């Protein structure tokens, strides 16, 4: 019988916090959040471990430290949106989640089509 050793680590670097779940020394999943706003920047799980709840485990670990937020809907990939829907939690407010380079965040208030 094989025993699997799983471990969650937390690292900070250049304004971001990364929570990683490793199994027998190999990264199986990671969650990256903005250190200041606590907004999710990225979450990924290795294909061999999809559906095992590792991303959720990291989300819960990050939230145990301080509340985390999902990106605005239009900033999420389809996979990121599915993750947000699956784990629940709050979406960051529009002012904090604003991105100047985003055509949706920075669109004029008129009805002009671009």
N, C-alpha and C. Protein backbone atom coordinates (compact mmCIF):
# COMPACT_ATOMS: atom_id res chain seq x y z
N UNK A 1 0.84 -1.18 0.00
CA UNK A 1 0.00 0.00 0.00
C UNK A 1 0.89 1.25 0.00
N UNK A 2 0.57 2.24 -0.88
CA UNK A 2 1.35 3.46 -0.98
C UNK A 2 0.71 4.57 -0.16
N UNK A 3 1.52 5.29 0.59
CA UNK A 3 1.04 6.42 1.37
C UNK A 3 1.38 7.70 0.62
N UNK A 4 0.39 8.58 0.47
CA UNK A 4 0.60 9.84 -0.21
C UNK A 4 0.68 10.96 0.81
N UNK A 5 1.75 11.75 0.74
CA UNK A 5 1.93 12.87 1.66
C UNK A 5 1.55 14.16 0.95
N UNK A 6 0.48 14.81 1.42
CA UNK A 6 0.04 16.08 0.85
C UNK A 6 0.39 17.20 1.82
N UNK A 7 0.78 18.35 1.26
CA UNK A 7 1.17 19.48 2.09
C UNK A 7 0.74 20.77 1.41
N UNK A 8 0.26 21.73 2.20
CA UNK A 8 -0.07 23.06 1.69
C UNK A 8 1.00 24.02 2.17
N UNK A 9 1.53 24.80 1.24
CA UNK A 9 2.51 25.83 1.59
C UNK A 9 2.01 27.18 1.14
N UNK A 10 2.49 28.23 1.80
CA UNK A 10 2.14 29.60 1.49
C UNK A 10 3.42 30.37 1.26
N UNK A 11 3.50 31.07 0.12
CA UNK A 11 4.68 31.90 -0.18
C UNK A 11 4.19 33.27 -0.64
N UNK A 12 5.00 34.28 -0.38
CA UNK A 12 4.69 35.64 -0.86
C UNK A 12 5.84 36.11 -1.72
N UNK A 13 5.47 36.84 -2.79
CA UNK A 13 6.48 37.36 -3.71
C UNK A 13 5.86 38.46 -4.55
N UNK A 14 6.47 39.63 -4.58
CA UNK A 14 6.09 40.74 -5.48
C UNK A 14 4.58 41.03 -5.46
N UNK A 15 4.01 41.18 -4.27
CA UNK A 15 2.62 41.57 -4.18
C UNK A 15 1.61 40.47 -4.35
N UNK A 16 2.06 39.23 -4.38
CA UNK A 16 1.13 38.12 -4.51
C UNK A 16 1.40 37.08 -3.45
N UNK A 17 0.37 36.33 -3.13
CA UNK A 17 0.48 35.22 -2.19
C UNK A 17 0.08 33.96 -2.94
N UNK A 18 0.91 32.95 -2.87
CA UNK A 18 0.62 31.68 -3.55
C UNK A 18 0.46 30.58 -2.51
N UNK A 19 -0.65 29.88 -2.63
CA UNK A 19 -0.91 28.70 -1.82
C UNK A 19 -0.74 27.50 -2.75
N UNK A 20 0.12 26.57 -2.37
CA UNK A 20 0.39 25.41 -3.21
C UNK A 20 0.09 24.14 -2.44
N UNK A 21 -0.49 23.17 -3.12
CA UNK A 21 -0.72 21.86 -2.54
C UNK A 21 0.20 20.90 -3.27
N UNK A 22 1.09 20.31 -2.52
CA UNK A 22 2.02 19.35 -3.12
C UNK A 22 1.70 17.95 -2.62
N UNK A 23 1.93 17.00 -3.49
CA UNK A 23 1.77 15.59 -3.14
C UNK A 23 3.10 14.91 -3.42
N UNK A 24 3.67 14.34 -2.39
CA UNK A 24 4.98 13.69 -2.49
C UNK A 24 6.00 14.60 -3.18
N UNK A 25 5.95 15.89 -2.85
CA UNK A 25 6.94 16.85 -3.35
C UNK A 25 6.62 17.49 -4.68
N UNK A 26 5.55 17.07 -5.36
CA UNK A 26 5.20 17.65 -6.66
C UNK A 26 3.94 18.51 -6.52
N UNK A 27 3.95 19.71 -7.13
CA UNK A 27 2.80 20.61 -7.05
C UNK A 27 1.63 19.99 -7.82
N UNK A 28 0.50 19.82 -7.11
CA UNK A 28 -0.71 19.29 -7.71
C UNK A 28 -1.70 20.41 -8.03
N UNK A 29 -1.66 21.49 -7.24
CA UNK A 29 -2.58 22.60 -7.43
C UNK A 29 -1.99 23.85 -6.77
N UNK A 30 -2.33 25.03 -7.34
CA UNK A 30 -1.92 26.27 -6.69
C UNK A 30 -2.98 27.34 -6.89
N UNK A 31 -3.00 28.28 -5.95
CA UNK A 31 -3.92 29.41 -5.95
C UNK A 31 -3.09 30.66 -5.71
N UNK A 32 -3.20 31.65 -6.60
CA UNK A 32 -2.45 32.90 -6.47
C UNK A 32 -3.43 34.02 -6.23
N UNK A 33 -3.20 34.82 -5.18
CA UNK A 33 -4.05 35.96 -4.88
C UNK A 33 -3.21 37.22 -4.75
N UNK A 34 -3.84 38.36 -4.98
CA UNK A 34 -3.21 39.65 -4.78
C UNK A 34 -3.04 39.86 -3.28
N UNK A 35 -1.84 40.21 -2.85
CA UNK A 35 -1.55 40.35 -1.43
C UNK A 35 -2.34 41.48 -0.79
N UNK A 36 -2.61 42.53 -1.53
CA UNK A 36 -3.31 43.69 -0.97
C UNK A 36 -4.83 43.52 -0.98
N UNK A 37 -5.39 43.13 -2.12
CA UNK A 37 -6.85 43.06 -2.24
C UNK A 37 -7.42 41.69 -1.90
N UNK A 38 -6.58 40.67 -1.89
CA UNK A 38 -6.96 39.28 -1.65
C UNK A 38 -7.84 38.74 -2.77
N UNK A 39 -7.70 39.30 -3.98
CA UNK A 39 -8.44 38.83 -5.14
C UNK A 39 -7.67 37.72 -5.84
N UNK A 40 -8.39 36.69 -6.26
CA UNK A 40 -7.78 35.57 -6.97
C UNK A 40 -7.24 36.05 -8.32
N UNK A 41 -5.98 35.76 -8.57
CA UNK A 41 -5.36 36.05 -9.86
C UNK A 41 -5.33 34.80 -10.74
N UNK A 42 -5.10 33.66 -10.11
CA UNK A 42 -4.97 32.42 -10.88
C UNK A 42 -5.19 31.23 -9.95
N UNK A 43 -5.76 30.19 -10.50
CA UNK A 43 -5.89 28.92 -9.79
C UNK A 43 -5.76 27.83 -10.84
N UNK A 44 -4.92 26.86 -10.54
CA UNK A 44 -4.71 25.76 -11.48
C UNK A 44 -4.49 24.46 -10.73
N UNK A 45 -4.91 23.37 -11.37
CA UNK A 45 -4.68 22.04 -10.85
C UNK A 45 -4.14 21.18 -11.98
N UNK A 46 -3.15 20.38 -11.69
CA UNK A 46 -2.57 19.45 -12.67
C UNK A 46 -3.67 18.51 -13.14
N UNK A 47 -3.69 18.24 -14.44
CA UNK A 47 -4.75 17.43 -15.06
C UNK A 47 -5.00 16.11 -14.33
N UNK A 48 -3.95 15.47 -13.88
CA UNK A 48 -4.10 14.17 -13.20
C UNK A 48 -4.85 14.27 -11.88
N UNK A 49 -4.99 15.50 -11.36
CA UNK A 49 -5.65 15.68 -10.05
C UNK A 49 -6.94 16.49 -10.14
N UNK A 50 -7.43 16.75 -11.34
CA UNK A 50 -8.68 17.49 -11.49
C UNK A 50 -9.82 16.73 -10.81
N UNK A 51 -10.70 17.47 -10.17
CA UNK A 51 -11.86 16.87 -9.54
C UNK A 51 -11.61 16.29 -8.16
N UNK A 52 -10.41 16.45 -7.63
CA UNK A 52 -10.10 15.89 -6.32
C UNK A 52 -10.29 16.90 -5.18
N UNK A 53 -10.70 18.12 -5.52
CA UNK A 53 -10.97 19.13 -4.49
C UNK A 53 -9.77 19.90 -4.01
N UNK A 54 -8.65 19.79 -4.71
CA UNK A 54 -7.44 20.48 -4.26
C UNK A 54 -7.56 22.00 -4.34
N UNK A 55 -8.14 22.52 -5.42
CA UNK A 55 -8.30 23.97 -5.55
C UNK A 55 -9.23 24.49 -4.45
N UNK A 56 -10.27 23.76 -4.16
CA UNK A 56 -11.18 24.14 -3.06
C UNK A 56 -10.44 24.15 -1.73
N UNK A 57 -9.61 23.15 -1.51
CA UNK A 57 -8.83 23.08 -0.27
C UNK A 57 -7.93 24.31 -0.13
N UNK A 58 -7.32 24.73 -1.23
CA UNK A 58 -6.46 25.93 -1.20
C UNK A 58 -7.29 27.18 -0.95
N UNK A 59 -8.46 27.28 -1.59
CA UNK A 59 -9.37 28.42 -1.38
C UNK A 59 -9.74 28.50 0.11
N UNK A 60 -10.06 27.38 0.70
CA UNK A 60 -10.43 27.36 2.12
C UNK A 60 -9.24 27.74 3.01
N UNK A 61 -8.04 27.29 2.66
CA UNK A 61 -6.85 27.65 3.42
C UNK A 61 -6.58 29.15 3.34
N UNK A 62 -6.71 29.71 2.14
CA UNK A 62 -6.49 31.15 1.97
C UNK A 62 -7.53 31.96 2.74
N UNK A 63 -8.79 31.53 2.70
CA UNK A 63 -9.85 32.23 3.40
C UNK A 63 -9.75 32.09 4.91
N UNK A 64 -9.13 31.03 5.39
CA UNK A 64 -8.92 30.88 6.83
C UNK A 64 -7.96 31.95 7.33
N UNK A 65 -7.09 32.41 6.46
CA UNK A 65 -6.13 33.46 6.81
C UNK A 65 -6.79 34.83 6.77
N UNK A 66 -7.55 35.12 5.73
CA UNK A 66 -8.29 36.37 5.55
C UNK A 66 -9.20 36.19 4.35
N UNK A 67 -10.33 36.89 4.35
CA UNK A 67 -11.30 36.71 3.27
C UNK A 67 -10.68 36.99 1.91
N UNK A 68 -10.98 36.12 0.96
CA UNK A 68 -10.51 36.27 -0.42
C UNK A 68 -11.70 36.59 -1.31
N UNK A 69 -11.41 37.13 -2.49
CA UNK A 69 -12.45 37.56 -3.41
C UNK A 69 -12.16 37.02 -4.81
N UNK A 70 -13.23 36.76 -5.54
CA UNK A 70 -13.10 36.36 -6.94
C UNK A 70 -13.00 37.63 -7.78
N UNK A 71 -12.37 37.52 -8.94
CA UNK A 71 -12.28 38.63 -9.88
C UNK A 71 -13.68 38.95 -10.40
N UNK A 72 -13.83 40.15 -10.95
CA UNK A 72 -15.09 40.52 -11.58
C UNK A 72 -15.41 39.49 -12.66
N UNK A 73 -16.68 39.26 -12.90
CA UNK A 73 -17.12 38.22 -13.84
C UNK A 73 -16.41 38.31 -15.19
N UNK A 74 -16.29 39.51 -15.73
CA UNK A 74 -15.71 39.65 -17.07
C UNK A 74 -14.19 39.49 -17.09
N UNK A 75 -13.57 39.35 -15.94
CA UNK A 75 -12.13 39.10 -15.88
C UNK A 75 -11.81 37.62 -15.71
N UNK A 76 -12.82 36.79 -15.59
CA UNK A 76 -12.62 35.36 -15.35
C UNK A 76 -12.64 34.58 -16.66
N UNK A 77 -11.83 33.53 -16.70
CA UNK A 77 -11.95 32.55 -17.77
C UNK A 77 -13.18 31.69 -17.47
N UNK A 78 -13.56 30.87 -18.41
CA UNK A 78 -14.69 29.95 -18.17
C UNK A 78 -14.36 29.02 -16.99
N UNK A 79 -13.13 28.55 -16.93
CA UNK A 79 -12.71 27.67 -15.84
C UNK A 79 -12.69 28.42 -14.51
N UNK A 80 -12.23 29.68 -14.55
CA UNK A 80 -12.20 30.50 -13.35
C UNK A 80 -13.60 30.78 -12.84
N UNK A 81 -14.53 31.01 -13.75
CA UNK A 81 -15.91 31.24 -13.36
C UNK A 81 -16.51 29.97 -12.74
N UNK A 82 -16.22 28.82 -13.34
CA UNK A 82 -16.71 27.55 -12.78
C UNK A 82 -16.15 27.34 -11.37
N UNK A 83 -14.88 27.69 -11.17
CA UNK A 83 -14.27 27.58 -9.84
C UNK A 83 -14.99 28.49 -8.86
N UNK A 84 -15.21 29.76 -9.25
CA UNK A 84 -15.89 30.72 -8.37
C UNK A 84 -17.29 30.23 -8.00
N UNK A 85 -18.00 29.69 -8.97
CA UNK A 85 -19.35 29.18 -8.70
C UNK A 85 -19.30 27.96 -7.78
N UNK A 86 -18.31 27.12 -7.96
CA UNK A 86 -18.21 25.89 -7.17
C UNK A 86 -17.86 26.15 -5.71
N UNK A 87 -16.92 27.06 -5.48
CA UNK A 87 -16.46 27.29 -4.10
C UNK A 87 -17.25 28.36 -3.37
N UNK A 88 -18.00 29.19 -4.13
CA UNK A 88 -18.74 30.28 -3.49
C UNK A 88 -17.80 31.39 -3.09
N UNK A 89 -18.29 32.28 -2.30
CA UNK A 89 -17.50 33.42 -1.86
C UNK A 89 -17.89 34.68 -2.62
N UNK A 90 -17.36 35.77 -2.17
CA UNK A 90 -17.71 37.08 -2.71
C UNK A 90 -16.85 37.44 -3.91
N UNK A 91 -17.44 38.23 -4.81
CA UNK A 91 -16.71 38.83 -5.92
C UNK A 91 -16.21 40.19 -5.45
N UNK A 92 -15.02 40.55 -5.86
CA UNK A 92 -14.45 41.83 -5.46
C UNK A 92 -15.35 42.97 -5.96
N UNK A 93 -15.36 44.09 -5.24
CA UNK A 93 -16.20 45.20 -5.66
C UNK A 93 -15.64 45.83 -6.93
N UNK A 94 -16.50 46.49 -7.69
CA UNK A 94 -16.11 47.02 -9.00
C UNK A 94 -15.00 48.05 -8.93
N UNK A 95 -14.96 48.85 -7.88
CA UNK A 95 -13.92 49.87 -7.76
C UNK A 95 -12.56 49.22 -7.54
N UNK A 96 -12.48 48.26 -6.65
CA UNK A 96 -11.22 47.59 -6.35
C UNK A 96 -10.80 46.68 -7.50
N UNK A 97 -11.77 46.07 -8.19
CA UNK A 97 -11.47 45.15 -9.28
C UNK A 97 -11.25 45.82 -10.62
N UNK A 98 -11.37 47.14 -10.66
CA UNK A 98 -11.20 47.91 -11.90
C UNK A 98 -9.79 47.72 -12.46
N UNK A 99 -9.71 47.54 -13.77
CA UNK A 99 -8.42 47.42 -14.46
C UNK A 99 -8.42 48.42 -15.61
N UNK A 100 -7.52 49.38 -15.58
CA UNK A 100 -7.51 50.45 -16.57
C UNK A 100 -7.34 49.94 -18.00
N UNK A 101 -6.61 48.85 -18.18
CA UNK A 101 -6.36 48.31 -19.52
C UNK A 101 -7.53 47.47 -20.03
N UNK A 102 -8.55 47.27 -19.22
CA UNK A 102 -9.68 46.42 -19.60
C UNK A 102 -10.70 47.25 -20.37
N UNK A 103 -11.08 46.80 -21.57
CA UNK A 103 -12.04 47.54 -22.39
C UNK A 103 -13.43 47.53 -21.75
N UNK A 104 -13.73 46.56 -20.92
CA UNK A 104 -15.04 46.53 -20.25
C UNK A 104 -15.02 47.45 -19.03
N UNK A 105 -13.96 47.38 -18.23
CA UNK A 105 -13.86 48.25 -17.06
C UNK A 105 -13.77 49.72 -17.47
N UNK A 106 -13.12 49.97 -18.59
CA UNK A 106 -12.82 51.33 -18.99
C UNK A 106 -13.71 51.80 -20.13
N UNK A 107 -14.89 51.19 -20.29
CA UNK A 107 -15.77 51.58 -21.40
C UNK A 107 -16.52 52.86 -21.05
N UNK A 108 -16.86 53.64 -22.05
CA UNK A 108 -17.62 54.86 -21.81
C UNK A 108 -19.04 54.52 -21.35
N UNK A 109 -19.70 55.47 -20.72
CA UNK A 109 -21.04 55.25 -20.21
C UNK A 109 -22.13 55.45 -21.27
N UNK A 110 -21.74 55.54 -22.54
CA UNK A 110 -22.76 55.70 -23.58
C UNK A 110 -23.06 54.36 -24.23
N UNK A 111 -23.91 54.38 -25.22
CA UNK A 111 -24.34 53.14 -25.88
C UNK A 111 -23.56 52.86 -27.16
N UNK A 112 -22.40 53.45 -27.30
CA UNK A 112 -21.59 53.25 -28.51
C UNK A 112 -21.08 51.81 -28.57
N UNK A 113 -21.25 51.18 -29.73
CA UNK A 113 -20.73 49.83 -29.92
C UNK A 113 -19.30 49.91 -30.43
N UNK A 114 -18.44 49.10 -29.86
CA UNK A 114 -17.04 49.06 -30.30
C UNK A 114 -16.71 47.72 -30.88
